[in-house]
PDB file of N, CA and C in Angstrom:
ATOM      1  N   UNK A   1      41.737  20.763 -30.946  1.00  0.00           N
ATOM      2  CA  UNK A   1      41.422  21.759 -31.342  1.00  0.00           C
ATOM      3  C   UNK A   1      42.302  23.134 -31.929  1.00  0.00           C
ATOM      4  N   UNK A   2      41.843  23.588 -32.886  1.00  0.00           N
ATOM      5  CA  UNK A   2      42.791  24.217 -33.819  1.00  0.00           C
ATOM      6  C   UNK A   2      43.496  25.465 -33.403  1.00  0.00           C
ATOM      7  N   UNK A   3      42.859  26.015 -32.524  1.00  0.00           N
ATOM      8  CA  UNK A   3      43.122  27.385 -31.996  1.00  0.00           C
ATOM      9  C   UNK A   3      44.473  27.048 -31.189  1.00  0.00           C
ATOM     10  N   UNK A   4      44.120  25.784 -30.515  1.00  0.00           N
ATOM     11  CA  UNK A   4      45.166  25.570 -29.557  1.00  0.00           C
ATOM     12  C   UNK A   4      46.649  24.785 -30.290  1.00  0.00           C
ATOM     13  N   UNK A   5      46.831  24.309 -31.443  1.00  0.00           N
ATOM     14  CA  UNK A   5      47.826  23.760 -32.374  1.00  0.00           C
ATOM     15  C   UNK A   5      48.501  25.333 -32.866  1.00  0.00           C
ATOM     16  N   UNK A   6      47.674  25.962 -33.495  1.00  0.00           N
ATOM     17  CA  UNK A   6      48.137  27.709 -34.129  1.00  0.00           C
ATOM     18  C   UNK A   6      48.893  28.312 -32.580  1.00  0.00           C
ATOM     19  N   UNK A   7      48.293  28.490 -31.695  1.00  0.00           N
ATOM     20  CA  UNK A   7      48.793  29.144 -30.236  1.00  0.00           C
ATOM     21  C   UNK A   7      50.034  28.331 -30.287  1.00  0.00           C
ATOM     22  N   UNK A   8      50.210  27.109 -29.949  1.00  0.00           N
ATOM     23  CA  UNK A   8      51.999  26.310 -29.958  1.00  0.00           C
ATOM     24  C   UNK A   8      52.653  26.882 -31.188  1.00  0.00           C
ATOM     25  N   UNK A   9      52.128  26.722 -32.270  1.00  0.00           N
ATOM     26  CA  UNK A   9      52.872  27.050 -33.451  1.00  0.00           C
ATOM     27  C   UNK A   9      53.688  28.696 -33.393  1.00  0.00           C
ATOM     28  N   UNK A  10      52.494  29.496 -33.175  1.00  0.00           N
ATOM     29  CA  UNK A  10      52.803  30.707 -32.988  1.00  0.00           C
ATOM     30  C   UNK A  10      54.063  31.078 -31.788  1.00  0.00           C
ATOM     31  N   UNK A  11      53.861  30.476 -30.605  1.00  0.00           N
ATOM     32  CA  UNK A  11      54.605  30.659 -30.094  1.00  0.00           C
ATOM     33  C   UNK A  11      56.004  29.963 -29.640  1.00  0.00           C
ATOM     34  N   UNK A  12      55.937  29.139 -30.712  1.00  0.00           N
ATOM     35  CA  UNK A  12      57.259  28.625 -30.852  1.00  0.00           C
ATOM     36  C   UNK A  12      58.213  29.631 -31.974  1.00  0.00           C
ATOM     37  N   UNK A  13      57.130  30.168 -33.241  1.00  0.00           N
ATOM     38  CA  UNK A  13      57.748  31.195 -33.699  1.00  0.00           C
ATOM     39  C   UNK A  13      58.312  32.663 -33.451  1.00  0.00           C
ATOM     40  N   UNK A  14      57.479  32.937 -32.213  1.00  0.00           N
ATOM     41  CA  UNK A  14      57.758  34.032 -31.493  1.00  0.00           C
ATOM     42  C   UNK A  14      59.253  33.560 -30.249  1.00  0.00           C
ATOM     43  N   UNK A  15      59.149  32.267 -29.933  1.00  0.00           N
ATOM     44  CA  UNK A  15      60.593  32.080 -29.118  1.00  0.00           C
ATOM     45  C   UNK A  15      61.980  31.832 -30.353  1.00  0.00           C
ATOM     46  N   UNK A  16      61.545  31.575 -31.583  1.00  0.00           N
ATOM     47  CA  UNK A  16      62.491  31.506 -32.253  1.00  0.00           C
ATOM     48  C   UNK A  16      63.178  33.614 -33.103  1.00  0.00           C
ATOM     49  N   UNK A  17      62.006  34.238 -32.892  1.00  0.00           N
ATOM     50  CA  UNK A  17      62.465  35.555 -32.954  1.00  0.00           C
ATOM     51  C   UNK A  17      61.874  36.034 -34.619  1.00  0.00           C
ATOM     52  N   UNK A  18      61.029  35.281 -35.108  1.00  0.00           N
ATOM     53  CA  UNK A  18      60.279  35.299 -36.044  1.00  0.00           C
ATOM     54  C   UNK A  18      58.741  36.251 -35.717  1.00  0.00           C
ATOM     55  N   UNK A  19      58.747  36.733 -36.961  1.00  0.00           N
ATOM     56  CA  UNK A  19      57.657  37.795 -36.429  1.00  0.00           C
ATOM     57  C   UNK A  19      56.192  37.465 -37.754  1.00  0.00           C
ATOM     58  N   UNK A  20      55.522  36.105 -37.485  1.00  0.00           N
ATOM     59  CA  UNK A  20      54.359  36.123 -38.569  1.00  0.00           C
ATOM     60  C   UNK A  20      53.613  37.011 -38.951  1.00  0.00           C
ATOM     61  N   UNK A  21      53.124  37.166 -40.117  1.00  0.00           N
ATOM     62  CA  UNK A  21      52.162  37.713 -40.744  1.00  0.00           C
ATOM     63  C   UNK A  21      50.779  37.673 -40.721  1.00  0.00           C
ATOM     64  N   UNK A  22      50.475  36.260 -40.227  1.00  0.00           N
ATOM     65  CA  UNK A  22      49.220  36.050 -40.412  1.00  0.00           C
ATOM     66  C   UNK A  22      49.116  34.995 -39.258  1.00  0.00           C
ATOM     67  N   UNK A  23      48.402  34.842 -38.178  1.00  0.00           N
ATOM     68  CA  UNK A  23      48.556  34.013 -36.987  1.00  0.00           C
ATOM     69  C   UNK A  23      47.586  32.730 -37.159  1.00  0.00           C
ATOM     70  N   UNK A  24      47.077  32.892 -38.009  1.00  0.00           N
ATOM     71  CA  UNK A  24      46.134  31.522 -38.060  1.00  0.00           C
ATOM     72  C   UNK A  24      44.971  31.261 -36.658  1.00  0.00           C
ATOM     73  N   UNK A  25      45.150  32.406 -36.025  1.00  0.00           N
ATOM     74  CA  UNK A  25      44.079  32.133 -34.533  1.00  0.00           C
ATOM     75  C   UNK A  25      42.456  32.552 -35.056  1.00  0.00           C
ATOM     76  N   UNK A  26      41.776  31.633 -34.672  1.00  0.00           N
ATOM     77  CA  UNK A  26      40.313  32.263 -35.570  1.00  0.00           C
ATOM     78  C   UNK A  26      39.363  31.876 -34.373  1.00  0.00           C
ATOM     79  N   UNK A  27      38.438  33.056 -34.621  1.00  0.00           N
ATOM     80  CA  UNK A  27      37.090  33.061 -33.825  1.00  0.00           C
ATOM     81  C   UNK A  27      35.707  33.377 -34.501  1.00  0.00           C
ATOM     82  N   UNK A  28      36.125  32.837 -35.579  1.00  0.00           N
ATOM     83  CA  UNK A  28      34.850  33.284 -36.661  1.00  0.00           C
ATOM     84  C   UNK A  28      33.622  31.916 -36.303  1.00  0.00           C
ATOM     85  N   UNK A  29      34.406  30.740 -36.485  1.00  0.00           N
ATOM     86  CA  UNK A  29      33.388  29.682 -36.089  1.00  0.00           C
ATOM     87  C   UNK A  29      32.894  29.504 -34.604  1.00  0.00           C
ATOM     88  N   UNK A  30      33.334  30.627 -33.673  1.00  0.00           N
ATOM     89  CA  UNK A  30      32.710  30.553 -32.530  1.00  0.00           C
ATOM     90  C   UNK A  30      31.753  31.579 -32.522  1.00  0.00           C
ATOM     91  N   UNK A  31      32.126  32.797 -32.896  1.00  0.00           N
ATOM     92  CA  UNK A  31      30.988  33.294 -33.302  1.00  0.00           C
ATOM     93  C   UNK A  31      29.639  33.126 -34.342  1.00  0.00           C
ATOM     94  N   UNK A  32      30.111  32.020 -34.744  1.00  0.00           N
ATOM     95  CA  UNK A  32      28.480  31.730 -35.686  1.00  0.00           C
ATOM     96  C   UNK A  32      28.226  30.501 -34.889  1.00  0.00           C
ATOM     97  N   UNK A  33      28.713  30.070 -33.658  1.00  0.00           N
ATOM     98  CA  UNK A  33      27.762  28.882 -32.730  1.00  0.00           C
ATOM     99  C   UNK A  33      27.731  29.691 -31.635  1.00  0.00           C
ATOM    100  N   UNK A  34      28.110  30.380 -31.110  1.00  0.00           N
ATOM    101  CA  UNK A  34      28.288  30.764 -29.748  1.00  0.00           C
ATOM    102  C   UNK A  34      26.624  30.672 -29.163  1.00  0.00           C
ATOM    103  N   UNK A  35      25.394  31.919 -29.694  1.00  0.00           N
ATOM    104  CA  UNK A  35      24.445  31.522 -29.106  1.00  0.00           C
ATOM    105  C   UNK A  35      23.548  30.376 -29.075  1.00  0.00           C
ATOM    106  N   UNK A  36      24.139  29.034 -30.289  1.00  0.00           N
ATOM    107  CA  UNK A  36      23.450  28.505 -29.864  1.00  0.00           C
ATOM    108  C   UNK A  36      24.418  27.273 -28.977  1.00  0.00           C
ATOM    109  N   UNK A  37      25.619  27.616 -28.845  1.00  0.00           N
ATOM    110  CA  UNK A  37      26.537  26.844 -27.919  1.00  0.00           C
ATOM    111  C   UNK A  37      25.433  27.328 -26.362  1.00  0.00           C
ATOM    112  N   UNK A  38      25.409  28.517 -25.994  1.00  0.00           N
ATOM    113  CA  UNK A  38      25.158  28.845 -24.393  1.00  0.00           C
ATOM    114  C   UNK A  38      23.604  28.912 -24.441  1.00  0.00           C
ATOM    115  N   UNK A  39      23.188  28.608 -26.062  1.00  0.00           N
ATOM    116  CA  UNK A  39      21.597  28.039 -25.492  1.00  0.00           C
ATOM    117  C   UNK A  39      21.707  26.690 -24.734  1.00  0.00           C
ATOM    118  N   UNK A  40      22.216  25.648 -25.674  1.00  0.00           N
ATOM    119  CA  UNK A  40      22.316  23.943 -25.332  1.00  0.00           C
ATOM    120  C   UNK A  40      22.986  23.539 -24.222  1.00  0.00           C
ATOM    121  N   UNK A  41      24.434  24.360 -23.745  1.00  0.00           N
ATOM    122  CA  UNK A  41      25.173  23.860 -22.978  1.00  0.00           C
ATOM    123  C   UNK A  41      24.554  24.670 -21.198  1.00  0.00           C
ATOM    124  N   UNK A  42      24.291  23.875 -20.766  1.00  0.00           N
ATOM    125  CA  UNK A  42      23.338  24.477 -19.667  1.00  0.00           C
ATOM    126  C   UNK A  42      24.170  24.386 -18.656  1.00  0.00           C
ATOM    127  N   UNK A  43      25.270  24.238 -18.711  1.00  0.00           N
ATOM    128  CA  UNK A  43      26.506  24.127 -17.774  1.00  0.00           C
ATOM    129  C   UNK A  43      27.505  25.294 -17.424  1.00  0.00           C
ATOM    130  N   UNK A  44      27.126  26.624 -16.809  1.00  0.00           N
ATOM    131  CA  UNK A  44      27.428  28.079 -16.891  1.00  0.00           C
ATOM    132  C   UNK A  44      28.969  27.777 -16.615  1.00  0.00           C
ATOM    133  N   UNK A  45      29.583  26.679 -16.122  1.00  0.00           N
ATOM    134  CA  UNK A  45      31.343  27.035 -15.623  1.00  0.00           C
ATOM    135  C   UNK A  45      31.746  26.572 -17.015  1.00  0.00           C
ATOM    136  N   UNK A  46      30.960  25.882 -17.827  1.00  0.00           N
ATOM    137  CA  UNK A  46      31.360  25.710 -19.259  1.00  0.00           C
ATOM    138  C   UNK A  46      31.294  26.856 -20.364  1.00  0.00           C
ATOM    139  N   UNK A  47      30.248  27.015 -19.926  1.00  0.00           N
ATOM    140  CA  UNK A  47      30.000  28.395 -20.676  1.00  0.00           C
ATOM    141  C   UNK A  47      31.140  29.549 -20.846  1.00  0.00           C
ATOM    142  N   UNK A  48      30.994  29.657 -19.269  1.00  0.00           N
ATOM    143  CA  UNK A  48      32.279  30.828 -19.234  1.00  0.00           C
ATOM    144  C   UNK A  48      33.298  30.094 -19.444  1.00  0.00           C
ATOM    145  N   UNK A  49      33.747  29.098 -19.336  1.00  0.00           N
ATOM    146  CA  UNK A  49      35.234  28.939 -19.717  1.00  0.00           C
ATOM    147  C   UNK A  49      35.608  28.748 -20.925  1.00  0.00           C
ATOM    148  N   UNK A  50      34.289  28.140 -22.078  1.00  0.00           N
ATOM    149  CA  UNK A  50      34.798  28.469 -23.670  1.00  0.00           C
ATOM    150  C   UNK A  50      34.525  29.653 -24.054  1.00  0.00           C
ATOM    151  N   UNK A  51      33.972  30.722 -23.600  1.00  0.00           N
ATOM    152  CA  UNK A  51      34.024  32.012 -23.619  1.00  0.00           C
ATOM    153  C   UNK A  51      35.371  32.538 -23.677  1.00  0.00           C
ATOM    154  N   UNK A  52      35.195  32.372 -22.161  1.00  0.00           N
ATOM    155  CA  UNK A  52      37.374  32.873 -21.929  1.00  0.00           C
ATOM    156  C   UNK A  52      38.048  32.393 -23.097  1.00  0.00           C
ATOM    157  N   UNK A  53      37.805  31.143 -22.833  1.00  0.00           N
ATOM    158  CA  UNK A  53      39.026  30.932 -24.250  1.00  0.00           C
ATOM    159  C   UNK A  53      38.874  31.692 -25.525  1.00  0.00           C
ATOM    160  N   UNK A  54      37.696  31.439 -25.842  1.00  0.00           N
ATOM    161  CA  UNK A  54      37.592  32.302 -27.172  1.00  0.00           C
ATOM    162  C   UNK A  54      38.075  33.752 -27.016  1.00  0.00           C
ATOM    163  N   UNK A  55      37.962  34.248 -26.126  1.00  0.00           N
ATOM    164  CA  UNK A  55      38.087  35.580 -25.938  1.00  0.00           C
ATOM    165  C   UNK A  55      39.701  36.050 -25.856  1.00  0.00           C
ATOM    166  N   UNK A  56      40.457  34.782 -25.259  1.00  0.00           N
ATOM    167  CA  UNK A  56      41.844  35.026 -25.248  1.00  0.00           C
ATOM    168  C   UNK A  56      42.612  34.876 -26.683  1.00  0.00           C
ATOM    169  N   UNK A  57      41.824  34.215 -27.518  1.00  0.00           N
ATOM    170  CA  UNK A  57      42.454  33.702 -28.881  1.00  0.00           C
ATOM    171  C   UNK A  57      41.752  35.061 -29.460  1.00  0.00           C
ATOM    172  N   UNK A  58      40.961  35.934 -29.541  1.00  0.00           N
ATOM    173  CA  UNK A  58      40.768  37.043 -30.491  1.00  0.00           C
ATOM    174  C   UNK A  58      41.565  37.867 -29.406  1.00  0.00           C
ATOM    175  N   UNK A  59      42.347  37.938 -28.070  1.00  0.00           N
ATOM    176  CA  UNK A  59      42.868  38.906 -27.586  1.00  0.00           C
ATOM    177  C   UNK A  59      44.243  38.585 -28.433  1.00  0.00           C
ATOM    178  N   UNK A  60      44.936  37.584 -28.249  1.00  0.00           N
ATOM    179  CA  UNK A  60      45.901  36.860 -28.692  1.00  0.00           C
ATOM    180  C   UNK A  60      46.299  37.334 -30.442  1.00  0.00           C
ATOM    181  N   UNK A  61      45.070  37.155 -31.161  1.00  0.00           N
ATOM    182  CA  UNK A  61      45.579  37.450 -32.530  1.00  0.00           C
ATOM    183  C   UNK A  61      45.553  38.996 -32.804  1.00  0.00           C
ATOM    184  N   UNK A  62      44.527  39.583 -32.189  1.00  0.00           N
ATOM    185  CA  UNK A  62      44.933  41.218 -31.585  1.00  0.00           C
ATOM    186  C   UNK A  62      45.881  41.891 -31.407  1.00  0.00           C
ATOM    187  N   UNK A  63      46.754  41.008 -30.517  1.00  0.00           N
ATOM    188  CA  UNK A  63      48.010  41.879 -29.971  1.00  0.00           C
ATOM    189  C   UNK A  63      49.396  41.035 -30.584  1.00  0.00           C
ATOM    190  N   UNK A  64      49.006  40.082 -31.863  1.00  0.00           N
ATOM    191  CA  UNK A  64      50.085  39.967 -32.786  1.00  0.00           C
ATOM    192  C   UNK A  64      49.862  40.608 -33.664  1.00  0.00           C
ATOM    193  N   UNK A  65      48.403  41.021 -34.269  1.00  0.00           N
ATOM    194  CA  UNK A  65      48.794  42.325 -35.389  1.00  0.00           C
ATOM    195  C   UNK A  65      49.314  43.556 -34.987  1.00  0.00           C
ATOM    196  N   UNK A  66      49.074  43.624 -33.622  1.00  0.00           N
ATOM    197  CA  UNK A  66      49.591  45.285 -33.218  1.00  0.00           C
ATOM    198  C   UNK A  66      51.054  44.844 -33.458  1.00  0.00           C
ATOM    199  N   UNK A  67      51.787  43.952 -32.480  1.00  0.00           N
ATOM    200  CA  UNK A  67      53.072  43.658 -32.329  1.00  0.00           C
ATOM    201  C   UNK A  67      53.633  43.635 -34.022  1.00  0.00           C
ATOM    202  N   UNK A  68      52.647  43.190 -35.002  1.00  0.00           N
ATOM    203  CA  UNK A  68      53.510  43.451 -36.143  1.00  0.00           C
ATOM    204  C   UNK A  68      53.945  44.663 -36.817  1.00  0.00           C
ATOM    205  N   UNK A  69      52.710  45.410 -36.524  1.00  0.00           N
ATOM    206  CA  UNK A  69      52.588  46.980 -36.855  1.00  0.00           C
ATOM    207  C   UNK A  69      53.756  47.690 -36.040  1.00  0.00           C
ATOM    208  N   UNK A  70      53.876  47.225 -34.949  1.00  0.00           N
ATOM    209  CA  UNK A  70      55.017  48.008 -34.348  1.00  0.00           C
ATOM    210  C   UNK A  70      56.089  47.406 -34.428  1.00  0.00           C
ATOM    211  N   UNK A  71      56.335  46.535 -35.322  1.00  0.00           N
ATOM    212  CA  UNK A  71      57.527  45.870 -35.681  1.00  0.00           C
ATOM    213  C   UNK A  71      58.074  46.305 -37.324  1.00  0.00           C
ATOM    214  N   UNK A  72      56.730  46.521 -37.956  1.00  0.00           N
ATOM    215  CA  UNK A  72      57.182  46.865 -39.803  1.00  0.00           C
ATOM    216  C   UNK A  72      56.185  47.848 -40.128  1.00  0.00           C
ATOM    217  N   UNK A  73      55.237  47.811 -39.724  1.00  0.00           N
ATOM    218  CA  UNK A  73      54.256  49.096 -39.977  1.00  0.00           C
ATOM    219  C   UNK A  73      55.058  50.386 -39.638  1.00  0.00           C
ATOM    220  N   UNK A  74      53.687  51.670 -40.027  1.00  0.00           N
ATOM    221  CA  UNK A  74      54.183  52.911 -40.108  1.00  0.00           C
ATOM    222  C   UNK A  74      54.448  53.018 -38.399  1.00  0.00           C
ATOM    223  N   UNK A  75      53.824  52.386 -37.698  1.00  0.00           N
ATOM    224  CA  UNK A  75      54.142  52.850 -36.403  1.00  0.00           C
ATOM    225  C   UNK A  75      55.332  52.415 -35.410  1.00  0.00           C
ATOM    226  N   UNK A  76      56.296  51.369 -36.555  1.00  0.00           N
ATOM    227  CA  UNK A  76      57.504  51.481 -36.156  1.00  0.00           C
ATOM    228  C   UNK A  76      58.607  52.327 -35.746  1.00  0.00           C
ATOM    229  N   UNK A  77      58.132  53.474 -37.127  1.00  0.00           N
ATOM    230  CA  UNK A  77      59.128  54.916 -36.449  1.00  0.00           C
ATOM    231  C   UNK A  77      58.741  55.847 -35.526  1.00  0.00           C
ATOM    232  N   UNK A  78      58.301  55.278 -34.982  1.00  0.00           N
ATOM    233  CA  UNK A  78      57.540  55.846 -33.351  1.00  0.00           C
ATOM    234  C   UNK A  78      59.149  55.174 -32.520  1.00  0.00           C
ATOM    235  N   UNK A  79      59.294  56.532 -31.769  1.00  0.00           N
ATOM    236  CA  UNK A  79      60.697  56.179 -31.072  1.00  0.00           C
ATOM    237  C   UNK A  79      60.550  55.178 -29.906  1.00  0.00           C
ATOM    238  N   UNK A  80      59.205  54.985 -28.962  1.00  0.00           N
ATOM    239  CA  UNK A  80      58.835  53.780 -28.249  1.00  0.00           C
ATOM    240  C   UNK A  80      58.619  52.546 -28.737  1.00  0.00           C
ATOM    241  N   UNK A  81      58.669  52.652 -30.136  1.00  0.00           N
ATOM    242  CA  UNK A  81      58.091  51.489 -31.050  1.00  0.00           C
ATOM    243  C   UNK A  81      58.647  50.448 -30.132  1.00  0.00           C
ATOM    244  N   UNK A  82      60.026  50.016 -29.956  1.00  0.00           N
ATOM    245  CA  UNK A  82      60.766  48.885 -29.915  1.00  0.00           C
ATOM    246  C   UNK A  82      60.065  48.691 -27.994  1.00  0.00           C
ATOM    247  N   UNK A  83      59.889  49.170 -27.152  1.00  0.00           N
ATOM    248  CA  UNK A  83      59.431  49.191 -26.167  1.00  0.00           C
ATOM    249  C   UNK A  83      58.066  48.697 -26.097  1.00  0.00           C
ATOM    250  N   UNK A  84      56.949  48.566 -26.945  1.00  0.00           N
ATOM    251  CA  UNK A  84      55.717  48.669 -27.563  1.00  0.00           C
ATOM    252  C   UNK A  84      55.785  47.240 -27.612  1.00  0.00           C
ATOM    253  N   UNK A  85      56.536  46.998 -29.026  1.00  0.00           N
ATOM    254  CA  UNK A  85      56.831  45.584 -29.362  1.00  0.00           C
ATOM    255  C   UNK A  85      57.214  44.398 -28.347  1.00  0.00           C
ATOM    256  N   UNK A  86      58.509  44.779 -27.647  1.00  0.00           N
ATOM    257  CA  UNK A  86      58.737  44.068 -26.685  1.00  0.00           C
ATOM    258  C   UNK A  86      57.693  43.817 -25.789  1.00  0.00           C
ATOM    259  N   UNK A  87      56.953  44.575 -25.288  1.00  0.00           N
ATOM    260  CA  UNK A  87      55.833  44.320 -24.163  1.00  0.00           C
ATOM    261  C   UNK A  87      54.828  43.727 -24.880  1.00  0.00           C
ATOM    262  N   UNK A  88      54.661  43.964 -25.889  1.00  0.00           N
ATOM    263  CA  UNK A  88      53.343  42.567 -26.873  1.00  0.00           C
ATOM    264  C   UNK A  88      54.122  41.464 -26.668  1.00  0.00           C
ATOM    265  N   UNK A  89      55.274  41.013 -27.127  1.00  0.00           N
ATOM    266  CA  UNK A  89      55.754  39.984 -27.597  1.00  0.00           C
ATOM    267  C   UNK A  89      56.003  39.473 -25.665  1.00  0.00           C
ATOM    268  N   UNK A  90      56.221  40.013 -24.949  1.00  0.00           N
ATOM    269  CA  UNK A  90      56.443  39.414 -23.407  1.00  0.00           C
ATOM    270  C   UNK A  90      54.684  39.009 -23.268  1.00  0.00           C
ATOM    271  N   UNK A  91      53.781  39.775 -23.522  1.00  0.00           N
ATOM    272  CA  UNK A  91      52.099  39.642 -23.276  1.00  0.00           C
ATOM    273  C   UNK A  91      51.894  37.938 -24.095  1.00  0.00           C
ATOM    274  N   UNK A  92      52.226  37.734 -25.067  1.00  0.00           N
ATOM    275  CA  UNK A  92      51.901  36.896 -26.182  1.00  0.00           C
ATOM    276  C   UNK A  92      52.980  35.656 -25.764  1.00  0.00           C
ATOM    277  N   UNK A  93      54.191  35.939 -25.251  1.00  0.00           N
ATOM    278  CA  UNK A  93      54.614  34.681 -24.724  1.00  0.00           C
ATOM    279  C   UNK A  93      53.931  33.920 -23.303  1.00  0.00           C
ATOM    280  N   UNK A  94      53.382  34.598 -23.140  1.00  0.00           N
ATOM    281  CA  UNK A  94      52.840  34.131 -21.827  1.00  0.00           C
ATOM    282  C   UNK A  94      51.462  33.568 -21.741  1.00  0.00           C
ATOM    283  N   UNK A  95      50.593  34.516 -22.768  1.00  0.00           N
ATOM    284  CA  UNK A  95      49.229  34.151 -23.290  1.00  0.00           C
ATOM    285  C   UNK A  95      49.105  32.879 -24.403  1.00  0.00           C
ATOM    286  N   UNK A  96      50.463  32.746 -25.236  1.00  0.00           N
ATOM    287  CA  UNK A  96      49.798  31.482 -26.372  1.00  0.00           C
ATOM    288  C   UNK A  96      49.644  30.143 -25.514  1.00  0.00           C
ATOM    289  N   UNK A  97      51.234  29.910 -24.869  1.00  0.00           N
ATOM    290  CA  UNK A  97      51.460  28.577 -24.412  1.00  0.00           C
ATOM    291  C   UNK A  97      50.045  28.181 -23.431  1.00  0.00           C
ATOM    292  N   UNK A  98      49.324  29.216 -22.431  1.00  0.00           N
ATOM    293  CA  UNK A  98      47.927  29.267 -21.681  1.00  0.00           C
ATOM    294  C   UNK A  98      47.052  28.603 -22.920  1.00  0.00           C
ATOM    295  N   UNK A  99      46.391  28.842 -24.090  1.00  0.00           N
ATOM    296  CA  UNK A  99      45.947  29.088 -25.057  1.00  0.00           C
ATOM    297  C   UNK A  99      46.084  27.516 -25.567  1.00  0.00           C
ATOM    298  N   UNK A 100      47.585  27.478 -25.772  1.00  0.00           N
ATOM    299  CA  UNK A 100      47.606  25.799 -26.339  1.00  0.00           C
ATOM    300  C   UNK A 100      47.321  24.827 -25.436  1.00  0.00           C
ATOM    301  N   UNK A 101      47.653  25.154 -24.070  1.00  0.00           N
ATOM    302  CA  UNK A 101      46.994  24.215 -22.960  1.00  0.00           C
ATOM    303  C   UNK A 101      45.339  23.830 -22.768  1.00  0.00           C
ATOM    304  N   UNK A 102      44.965  24.825 -22.690  1.00  0.00           N
ATOM    305  CA  UNK A 102      43.558  24.842 -22.544  1.00  0.00           C
ATOM    306  C   UNK A 102      43.056  24.487 -23.703  1.00  0.00           C
ATOM    307  N   UNK A 103      43.538  24.268 -25.216  1.00  0.00           N
ATOM    308  CA  UNK A 103      42.654  23.594 -26.027  1.00  0.00           C
ATOM    309  C   UNK A 103      42.246  22.383 -26.046  1.00  0.00           C
ATOM    310  N   UNK A 104      43.040  21.331 -26.035  1.00  0.00           N
ATOM    311  CA  UNK A 104      43.105  20.247 -26.118  1.00  0.00           C
ATOM    312  C   UNK A 104      42.105  19.703 -24.846  1.00  0.00           C
ATOM    313  N   UNK A 105      42.003  20.505 -23.510  1.00  0.00           N
ATOM    314  CA  UNK A 105      41.131  20.392 -22.272  1.00  0.00           C
ATOM    315  C   UNK A 105      39.688  20.519 -22.704  1.00  0.00           C
ATOM    316  N   UNK A 106      39.696  21.209 -23.356  1.00  0.00           N
ATOM    317  CA  UNK A 106      38.490  22.171 -23.430  1.00  0.00           C
ATOM    318  C   UNK A 106      37.891  21.011 -24.698  1.00  0.00           C
ATOM    319  N   UNK A 107      38.759  20.646 -25.671  1.00  0.00           N
ATOM    320  CA  UNK A 107      38.215  19.525 -26.721  1.00  0.00           C
ATOM    321  C   UNK A 107      37.627  18.391 -26.294  1.00  0.00           C
ATOM    322  N   UNK A 108      38.304  17.877 -25.330  1.00  0.00           N
ATOM    323  CA  UNK A 108      38.513  16.708 -24.332  1.00  0.00           C
ATOM    324  C   UNK A 108      37.083  16.497 -23.571  1.00  0.00           C
ATOM    325  N   UNK A 109      36.409  17.633 -23.125  1.00  0.00           N
ATOM    326  CA  UNK A 109      35.451  17.836 -22.329  1.00  0.00           C
ATOM    327  C   UNK A 109      34.497  18.196 -23.053  1.00  0.00           C
ATOM    328  N   UNK A 110      34.726  18.861 -24.216  1.00  0.00           N
ATOM    329  CA  UNK A 110      33.641  18.864 -25.070  1.00  0.00           C
ATOM    330  C   UNK A 110      33.104  17.782 -25.784  1.00  0.00           C
ATOM    331  N   UNK A 111      33.816  16.844 -26.160  1.00  0.00           N
ATOM    332  CA  UNK A 111      33.509  15.562 -26.753  1.00  0.00           C
ATOM    333  C   UNK A 111      32.803  14.584 -25.642  1.00  0.00           C
ATOM    334  N   UNK A 112      33.358  14.773 -24.828  1.00  0.00           N
ATOM    335  CA  UNK A 112      32.531  13.883 -23.656  1.00  0.00           C
ATOM    336  C   UNK A 112      31.249  14.237 -23.188  1.00  0.00           C
ATOM    337  N   UNK A 113      31.123  15.441 -23.241  1.00  0.00           N
ATOM    338  CA  UNK A 113      29.709  16.061 -23.518  1.00  0.00           C
ATOM    339  C   UNK A 113      28.889  15.825 -24.645  1.00  0.00           C
ATOM    340  N   UNK A 114      29.570  15.669 -25.657  1.00  0.00           N
ATOM    341  CA  UNK A 114      28.801  15.358 -26.918  1.00  0.00           C
ATOM    342  C   UNK A 114      28.100  14.066 -26.515  1.00  0.00           C
ATOM    343  N   UNK A 115      28.890  13.188 -26.416  1.00  0.00           N
ATOM    344  CA  UNK A 115      29.107  11.865 -26.324  1.00  0.00           C
ATOM    345  C   UNK A 115      27.743  11.194 -25.123  1.00  0.00           C
ATOM    346  N   UNK A 116      27.886  11.873 -24.490  1.00  0.00           N
ATOM    347  CA  UNK A 116      27.239  11.880 -23.047  1.00  0.00           C
ATOM    348  C   UNK A 116      25.891  12.154 -23.429  1.00  0.00           C
ATOM    349  N   UNK A 117      25.341  12.779 -24.597  1.00  0.00           N
ATOM    350  CA  UNK A 117      24.222  13.800 -24.974  1.00  0.00           C
ATOM    351  C   UNK A 117      23.507  12.688 -26.129  1.00  0.00           C
TER     352      UNK A 117
END
């Protein structure tokens, strides 16, 4: 899954101390197909799992943007900016590997369901 690979790549970049400008995490495709997926996927557990996954992706992208702002934007001038940036870095360090792990599991599950249909 696209987001899983990008989350893993972003986690590696954060581990090296780099601050990427663009995360490549995206939820636009999910937004485009969400209603249809929820209508056709009759398993509430699967619906929740997929929706939660894309919410985590959206959240991680937002946190990365905010982290960039506190590291390099106007907000970096605030006295507490290093603390905020460190907290965001810590949260991303937790969230991104979870996204990277969940993506291939969801992908395999969805492919099995599609094959069975």
